[in-house]
Amino acid sequence: MIASVEGQVLTLDHDGASAAPLAAGRTVFQSYGDVLAEAPLEPGARVTFKFRKVAVGEGWELTEMRGR
């Protein structure tokens, strides 16, 4: 679920991902226009998404996001 949107930075509340070292909770993700164009951007909107680790210590990046 989208918690907040600030430009191309989204904060998502999510289930954990066992394939990545990402525990369930709230995480900040960087994104880009092509990914954001495909999904609702209102806080509270439920979404599905794919992500990747950027670089060591640099956080997470959305690669795909769609409304549920």
PDB file of N, CA and C in Angstrom:
ATOM      1  N   MET A   1       0.843  -1.164   0.000  1.00  0.00           N
ATOM      2  CA  MET A   1       0.000   0.000   0.000  1.00  0.00           C
ATOM      3  C   MET A   1       0.895   1.235   0.000  1.00  0.00           C
ATOM      4  N   ILE A   2       0.493   2.246  -0.748  1.00  0.00           N
ATOM      5  CA  ILE A   2       1.264   3.484  -0.801  1.00  0.00           C
ATOM      6  C   ILE A   2       1.040   4.275   0.483  1.00  0.00           C
ATOM      7  N   ALA A   3       2.118   4.580   1.188  1.00  0.00           N
ATOM      8  CA  ALA A   3       2.046   5.387   2.404  1.00  0.00           C
ATOM      9  C   ALA A   3       2.223   6.867   2.072  1.00  0.00           C
ATOM     10  N   SER A   4       3.173   7.187   1.167  1.00  0.00           N
ATOM     11  CA  SER A   4       3.376   8.576   0.760  1.00  0.00           C
ATOM     12  C   SER A   4       4.102   8.638  -0.578  1.00  0.00           C
ATOM     13  N   VAL A   5       3.937   9.790  -1.242  1.00  0.00           N
ATOM     14  CA  VAL A   5       4.597  10.045  -2.519  1.00  0.00           C
ATOM     15  C   VAL A   5       5.210  11.430  -2.443  1.00  0.00           C
ATOM     16  N   GLU A   6       6.497  11.521  -2.726  1.00  0.00           N
ATOM     17  CA  GLU A   6       7.196  12.802  -2.772  1.00  0.00           C
ATOM     18  C   GLU A   6       8.020  12.817  -4.054  1.00  0.00           C
ATOM     19  N   GLY A   7       7.444  13.373  -5.117  1.00  0.00           N
ATOM     20  CA  GLY A   7       8.118  13.356  -6.413  1.00  0.00           C
ATOM     21  C   GLY A   7       8.211  11.930  -6.927  1.00  0.00           C
ATOM     22  N   GLN A   8       9.430  11.461  -7.118  1.00  0.00           N
ATOM     23  CA  GLN A   8       9.633  10.090  -7.590  1.00  0.00           C
ATOM     24  C   GLN A   8      10.101   9.168  -6.471  1.00  0.00           C
ATOM     25  N   VAL A   9       9.875   9.569  -5.243  1.00  0.00           N
ATOM     26  CA  VAL A   9      10.212   8.748  -4.078  1.00  0.00           C
ATOM     27  C   VAL A   9       8.910   8.305  -3.426  1.00  0.00           C
ATOM     28  N   LEU A  10       8.714   6.997  -3.347  1.00  0.00           N
ATOM     29  CA  LEU A  10       7.506   6.440  -2.752  1.00  0.00           C
ATOM     30  C   LEU A  10       7.858   5.680  -1.487  1.00  0.00           C
ATOM     31  N   THR A  11       6.994   5.819  -0.501  1.00  0.00           N
ATOM     32  CA  THR A  11       7.102   5.026   0.712  1.00  0.00           C
ATOM     33  C   THR A  11       5.957   4.025   0.670  1.00  0.00           C
ATOM     34  N   LEU A  12       6.300   2.741   0.760  1.00  0.00           N
ATOM     35  CA  LEU A  12       5.310   1.677   0.671  1.00  0.00           C
ATOM     36  C   LEU A  12       5.283   0.855   1.949  1.00  0.00           C
ATOM     37  N   ASP A  13       4.084   0.497   2.392  1.00  0.00           N
ATOM     38  CA  ASP A  13       3.889  -0.489   3.453  1.00  0.00           C
ATOM     39  C   ASP A  13       3.693  -1.819   2.732  1.00  0.00           C
ATOM     40  N   HIS A  14       4.442  -2.846   3.124  1.00  0.00           N
ATOM     41  CA  HIS A  14       4.467  -4.078   2.326  1.00  0.00           C
ATOM     42  C   HIS A  14       4.730  -5.302   3.179  1.00  0.00           C
ATOM     43  N   ASP A  15       4.445  -6.467   2.569  1.00  0.00           N
ATOM     44  CA  ASP A  15       4.839  -7.747   3.134  1.00  0.00           C
ATOM     45  C   ASP A  15       6.328  -7.898   2.865  1.00  0.00           C
ATOM     46  N   GLY A  16       6.982  -8.764   3.548  1.00  0.00           N
ATOM     47  CA  GLY A  16       8.405  -8.993   3.315  1.00  0.00           C
ATOM     48  C   GLY A  16       8.658  -9.744   2.023  1.00  0.00           C
ATOM     49  N   ALA A  17       9.910  -9.761   1.609  1.00  0.00           N
ATOM     50  CA  ALA A  17      10.325 -10.487   0.411  1.00  0.00           C
ATOM     51  C   ALA A  17      11.443 -11.438   0.805  1.00  0.00           C
ATOM     52  N   SER A  18      11.175 -12.728   0.742  1.00  0.00           N
ATOM     53  CA  SER A  18      12.172 -13.703   1.175  1.00  0.00           C
ATOM     54  C   SER A  18      13.360 -13.790   0.221  1.00  0.00           C
ATOM     55  N   ALA A  19      13.162 -13.468  -1.058  1.00  0.00           N
ATOM     56  CA  ALA A  19      14.258 -13.529  -2.026  1.00  0.00           C
ATOM     57  C   ALA A  19      15.247 -12.373  -1.862  1.00  0.00           C
ATOM     58  N   ALA A  20      14.818 -11.329  -1.195  1.00  0.00           N
ATOM     59  CA  ALA A  20      15.689 -10.170  -0.924  1.00  0.00           C
ATOM     60  C   ALA A  20      15.720  -9.973   0.592  1.00  0.00           C
ATOM     61  N   PRO A  21      16.742  -9.369   1.101  1.00  0.00           N
ATOM     62  CA  PRO A  21      16.771  -9.139   2.549  1.00  0.00           C
ATOM     63  C   PRO A  21      15.884  -7.943   2.929  1.00  0.00           C
ATOM     64  N   LEU A  22      14.569  -8.102   2.728  1.00  0.00           N
ATOM     65  CA  LEU A  22      13.633  -7.014   2.986  1.00  0.00           C
ATOM     66  C   LEU A  22      12.520  -7.526   3.883  1.00  0.00           C
ATOM     67  N   ALA A  23      12.531  -7.087   5.123  1.00  0.00           N
ATOM     68  CA  ALA A  23      11.518  -7.507   6.090  1.00  0.00           C
ATOM     69  C   ALA A  23      10.220  -6.744   5.841  1.00  0.00           C
ATOM     70  N   ALA A  24       9.111  -7.324   6.269  1.00  0.00           N
ATOM     71  CA  ALA A  24       7.826  -6.647   6.165  1.00  0.00           C
ATOM     72  C   ALA A  24       7.889  -5.327   6.918  1.00  0.00           C
ATOM     73  N   GLY A  25       7.212  -4.317   6.384  1.00  0.00           N
ATOM     74  CA  GLY A  25       7.187  -3.022   7.046  1.00  0.00           C
ATOM     75  C   GLY A  25       7.037  -1.887   6.068  1.00  0.00           C
ATOM     76  N   ARG A  26       7.667  -0.776   6.372  1.00  0.00           N
ATOM     77  CA  ARG A  26       7.603   0.439   5.550  1.00  0.00           C
ATOM     78  C   ARG A  26       8.984   0.708   4.971  1.00  0.00           C
ATOM     79  N   THR A  27       9.049   0.877   3.636  1.00  0.00           N
ATOM     80  CA  THR A  27      10.323   1.082   2.955  1.00  0.00           C
ATOM     81  C   THR A  27      10.185   2.208   1.944  1.00  0.00           C
ATOM     82  N   VAL A  28      11.252   2.981   1.794  1.00  0.00           N
ATOM     83  CA  VAL A  28      11.317   4.056   0.804  1.00  0.00           C
ATOM     84  C   VAL A  28      11.949   3.501  -0.467  1.00  0.00           C
ATOM     85  N   PHE A  29      11.301   3.775  -1.608  1.00  0.00           N
ATOM     86  CA  PHE A  29      11.770   3.312  -2.906  1.00  0.00           C
ATOM     87  C   PHE A  29      11.933   4.492  -3.847  1.00  0.00           C
ATOM     88  N   GLN A  30      13.006   4.503  -4.617  1.00  0.00           N
ATOM     89  CA  GLN A  30      13.184   5.457  -5.715  1.00  0.00           C
ATOM     90  C   GLN A  30      12.440   4.882  -6.919  1.00  0.00           C
ATOM     91  N   SER A  31      11.886   5.744  -7.738  1.00  0.00           N
ATOM     92  CA  SER A  31      11.203   5.270  -8.933  1.00  0.00           C
ATOM     93  C   SER A  31      11.420   6.259 -10.070  1.00  0.00           C
ATOM     94  N   TYR A  32      10.874   5.930 -11.239  1.00  0.00           N
ATOM     95  CA  TYR A  32      11.021   6.765 -12.423  1.00  0.00           C
ATOM     96  C   TYR A  32       9.681   6.881 -13.118  1.00  0.00           C
ATOM     97  N   GLY A  33       9.534   7.865 -13.977  1.00  0.00           N
ATOM     98  CA  GLY A  33       8.270   8.174 -14.621  1.00  0.00           C
ATOM     99  C   GLY A  33       7.602   7.012 -15.320  1.00  0.00           C
ATOM    100  N   ASP A  34       8.371   6.184 -16.012  1.00  0.00           N
ATOM    101  CA  ASP A  34       7.759   5.068 -16.730  1.00  0.00           C
ATOM    102  C   ASP A  34       7.116   4.068 -15.783  1.00  0.00           C
ATOM    103  N   VAL A  35       7.678   3.884 -14.608  1.00  0.00           N
ATOM    104  CA  VAL A  35       7.095   2.976 -13.610  1.00  0.00           C
ATOM    105  C   VAL A  35       5.868   3.632 -12.969  1.00  0.00           C
ATOM    106  N   LEU A  36       5.969   4.903 -12.657  1.00  0.00           N
ATOM    107  CA  LEU A  36       4.873   5.610 -12.000  1.00  0.00           C
ATOM    108  C   LEU A  36       3.671   5.800 -12.906  1.00  0.00           C
ATOM    109  N   ALA A  37       3.871   5.841 -14.203  1.00  0.00           N
ATOM    110  CA  ALA A  37       2.777   6.045 -15.151  1.00  0.00           C
ATOM    111  C   ALA A  37       1.792   4.884 -15.154  1.00  0.00           C
ATOM    112  N   GLU A  38       2.190   3.724 -14.674  1.00  0.00           N
ATOM    113  CA  GLU A  38       1.371   2.515 -14.738  1.00  0.00           C
ATOM    114  C   GLU A  38       0.522   2.265 -13.494  1.00  0.00           C
ATOM    115  N   ALA A  39       0.621   3.113 -12.470  1.00  0.00           N
ATOM    116  CA  ALA A  39      -0.030   2.784 -11.197  1.00  0.00           C
ATOM    117  C   ALA A  39      -0.708   3.990 -10.566  1.00  0.00           C
ATOM    118  N   PRO A  40      -1.660   3.728  -9.659  1.00  0.00           N
ATOM    119  CA  PRO A  40      -2.244   4.833  -8.895  1.00  0.00           C
ATOM    120  C   PRO A  40      -1.188   5.385  -7.936  1.00  0.00           C
ATOM    121  N   LEU A  41      -1.244   6.671  -7.638  1.00  0.00           N
ATOM    122  CA  LEU A  41      -0.225   7.276  -6.778  1.00  0.00           C
ATOM    123  C   LEU A  41      -0.800   7.921  -5.521  1.00  0.00           C
ATOM    124  N   GLU A  42      -2.040   7.652  -5.196  1.00  0.00           N
ATOM    125  CA  GLU A  42      -2.644   8.233  -4.014  1.00  0.00           C
ATOM    126  C   GLU A  42      -2.264   7.434  -2.763  1.00  0.00           C
ATOM    127  N   PRO A  43      -1.931   8.105  -1.671  1.00  0.00           N
ATOM    128  CA  PRO A  43      -1.696   7.374  -0.423  1.00  0.00           C
ATOM    129  C   PRO A  43      -2.921   6.518  -0.094  1.00  0.00           C
ATOM    130  N   GLY A  44      -2.671   5.296   0.317  1.00  0.00           N
ATOM    131  CA  GLY A  44      -3.729   4.346   0.629  1.00  0.00           C
ATOM    132  C   GLY A  44      -4.040   3.401  -0.520  1.00  0.00           C
ATOM    133  N   ALA A  45      -3.565   3.706  -1.731  1.00  0.00           N
ATOM    134  CA  ALA A  45      -3.816   2.830  -2.880  1.00  0.00           C
ATOM    135  C   ALA A  45      -3.055   1.514  -2.701  1.00  0.00           C
ATOM    136  N   ARG A  46      -3.711   0.420  -3.042  1.00  0.00           N
ATOM    137  CA  ARG A  46      -3.083  -0.894  -2.953  1.00  0.00           C
ATOM    138  C   ARG A  46      -2.416  -1.199  -4.284  1.00  0.00           C
ATOM    139  N   VAL A  47      -1.162  -1.623  -4.226  1.00  0.00           N
ATOM    140  CA  VAL A  47      -0.380  -1.869  -5.443  1.00  0.00           C
ATOM    141  C   VAL A  47       0.393  -3.177  -5.327  1.00  0.00           C
ATOM    142  N   THR A  48       0.777  -3.708  -6.469  1.00  0.00           N
ATOM    143  CA  THR A  48       1.758  -4.791  -6.532  1.00  0.00           C
ATOM    144  C   THR A  48       2.997  -4.165  -7.156  1.00  0.00           C
ATOM    145  N   PHE A  49       4.165  -4.668  -6.785  1.00  0.00           N
ATOM    146  CA  PHE A  49       5.377  -4.045  -7.304  1.00  0.00           C
ATOM    147  C   PHE A  49       6.536  -5.025  -7.343  1.00  0.00           C
ATOM    148  N   LYS A  50       7.508  -4.685  -8.182  1.00  0.00           N
ATOM    149  CA  LYS A  50       8.783  -5.394  -8.241  1.00  0.00           C
ATOM    150  C   LYS A  50       9.865  -4.362  -7.962  1.00  0.00           C
ATOM    151  N   PHE A  51      10.971  -4.815  -7.412  1.00  0.00           N
ATOM    152  CA  PHE A  51      12.022  -3.888  -7.013  1.00  0.00           C
ATOM    153  C   PHE A  51      13.376  -4.548  -7.120  1.00  0.00           C
ATOM    154  N   ARG A  52      14.407  -3.728  -6.966  1.00  0.00           N
ATOM    155  CA  ARG A  52      15.769  -4.259  -6.911  1.00  0.00           C
ATOM    156  C   ARG A  52      16.588  -3.384  -5.971  1.00  0.00           C
ATOM    157  N   LYS A  53      17.652  -3.958  -5.470  1.00  0.00           N
ATOM    158  CA  LYS A  53      18.602  -3.233  -4.634  1.00  0.00           C
ATOM    159  C   LYS A  53      19.446  -2.381  -5.556  1.00  0.00           C
ATOM    160  N   VAL A  54      19.629  -1.113  -5.229  1.00  0.00           N
ATOM    161  CA  VAL A  54      20.396  -0.232  -6.103  1.00  0.00           C
ATOM    162  C   VAL A  54      21.873  -0.563  -5.949  1.00  0.00           C
ATOM    163  N   ALA A  55      22.547   0.016  -5.019  1.00  0.00           N
ATOM    164  CA  ALA A  55      23.956  -0.285  -4.732  1.00  0.00           C
ATOM    165  C   ALA A  55      24.082  -0.377  -3.222  1.00  0.00           C
ATOM    166  N   VAL A  56      25.168  -0.918  -2.764  1.00  0.00           N
ATOM    167  CA  VAL A  56      25.350  -1.084  -1.323  1.00  0.00           C
ATOM    168  C   VAL A  56      25.117   0.257  -0.627  1.00  0.00           C
ATOM    169  N   GLY A  57      24.193   0.256   0.317  1.00  0.00           N
ATOM    170  CA  GLY A  57      23.905   1.452   1.086  1.00  0.00           C
ATOM    171  C   GLY A  57      23.081   2.502   0.369  1.00  0.00           C
ATOM    172  N   GLU A  58      22.614   2.225  -0.857  1.00  0.00           N
ATOM    173  CA  GLU A  58      21.879   3.238  -1.610  1.00  0.00           C
ATOM    174  C   GLU A  58      20.384   2.960  -1.704  1.00  0.00           C
ATOM    175  N   GLY A  59      19.903   1.928  -1.087  1.00  0.00           N
ATOM    176  CA  GLY A  59      18.468   1.700  -1.025  1.00  0.00           C
ATOM    177  C   GLY A  59      17.890   0.833  -2.123  1.00  0.00           C
ATOM    178  N   TRP A  60      16.593   1.055  -2.374  1.00  0.00           N
ATOM    179  CA  TRP A  60      15.793   0.217  -3.251  1.00  0.00           C
ATOM    180  C   TRP A  60      15.194   1.033  -4.386  1.00  0.00           C
ATOM    181  N   GLU A  61      14.940   0.363  -5.510  1.00  0.00           N
ATOM    182  CA  GLU A  61      14.391   1.026  -6.686  1.00  0.00           C
ATOM    183  C   GLU A  61      13.236   0.189  -7.222  1.00  0.00           C
ATOM    184  N   LEU A  62      12.099   0.841  -7.506  1.00  0.00           N
ATOM    185  CA  LEU A  62      10.981   0.145  -8.117  1.00  0.00           C
ATOM    186  C   LEU A  62      11.254  -0.089  -9.589  1.00  0.00           C
ATOM    187  N   THR A  63      10.967  -1.284 -10.055  1.00  0.00           N
ATOM    188  CA  THR A  63      11.119  -1.592 -11.483  1.00  0.00           C
ATOM    189  C   THR A  63       9.773  -1.789 -12.155  1.00  0.00           C
ATOM    190  N   GLU A  64       8.743  -2.017 -11.347  1.00  0.00           N
ATOM    191  CA  GLU A  64       7.382  -2.205 -11.869  1.00  0.00           C
ATOM    192  C   GLU A  64       6.409  -1.956 -10.741  1.00  0.00           C
ATOM    193  N   MET A  65       5.264  -1.322 -11.051  1.00  0.00           N
ATOM    194  CA  MET A  65       4.235  -1.104 -10.042  1.00  0.00           C
ATOM    195  C   MET A  65       2.894  -0.965 -10.751  1.00  0.00           C
ATOM    196  N   ARG A  66       1.882  -1.666 -10.243  1.00  0.00           N
ATOM    197  CA  ARG A  66       0.538  -1.626 -10.809  1.00  0.00           C
ATOM    198  C   ARG A  66      -0.487  -1.624  -9.692  1.00  0.00           C
ATOM    199  N   GLY A  67      -1.664  -1.091  -9.978  1.00  0.00           N
ATOM    200  CA  GLY A  67      -2.760  -1.124  -9.020  1.00  0.00           C
ATOM    201  C   GLY A  67      -3.265  -2.547  -8.835  1.00  0.00           C
ATOM    202  N   ARG A  68      -3.787  -2.814  -7.627  1.00  0.00           N
ATOM    203  CA  ARG A  68      -4.362  -4.143  -7.358  1.00  0.00           C
ATOM    204  C   ARG A  68      -5.854  -4.048  -7.338  1.00  0.00           C
TER     205      ARG A  68
END
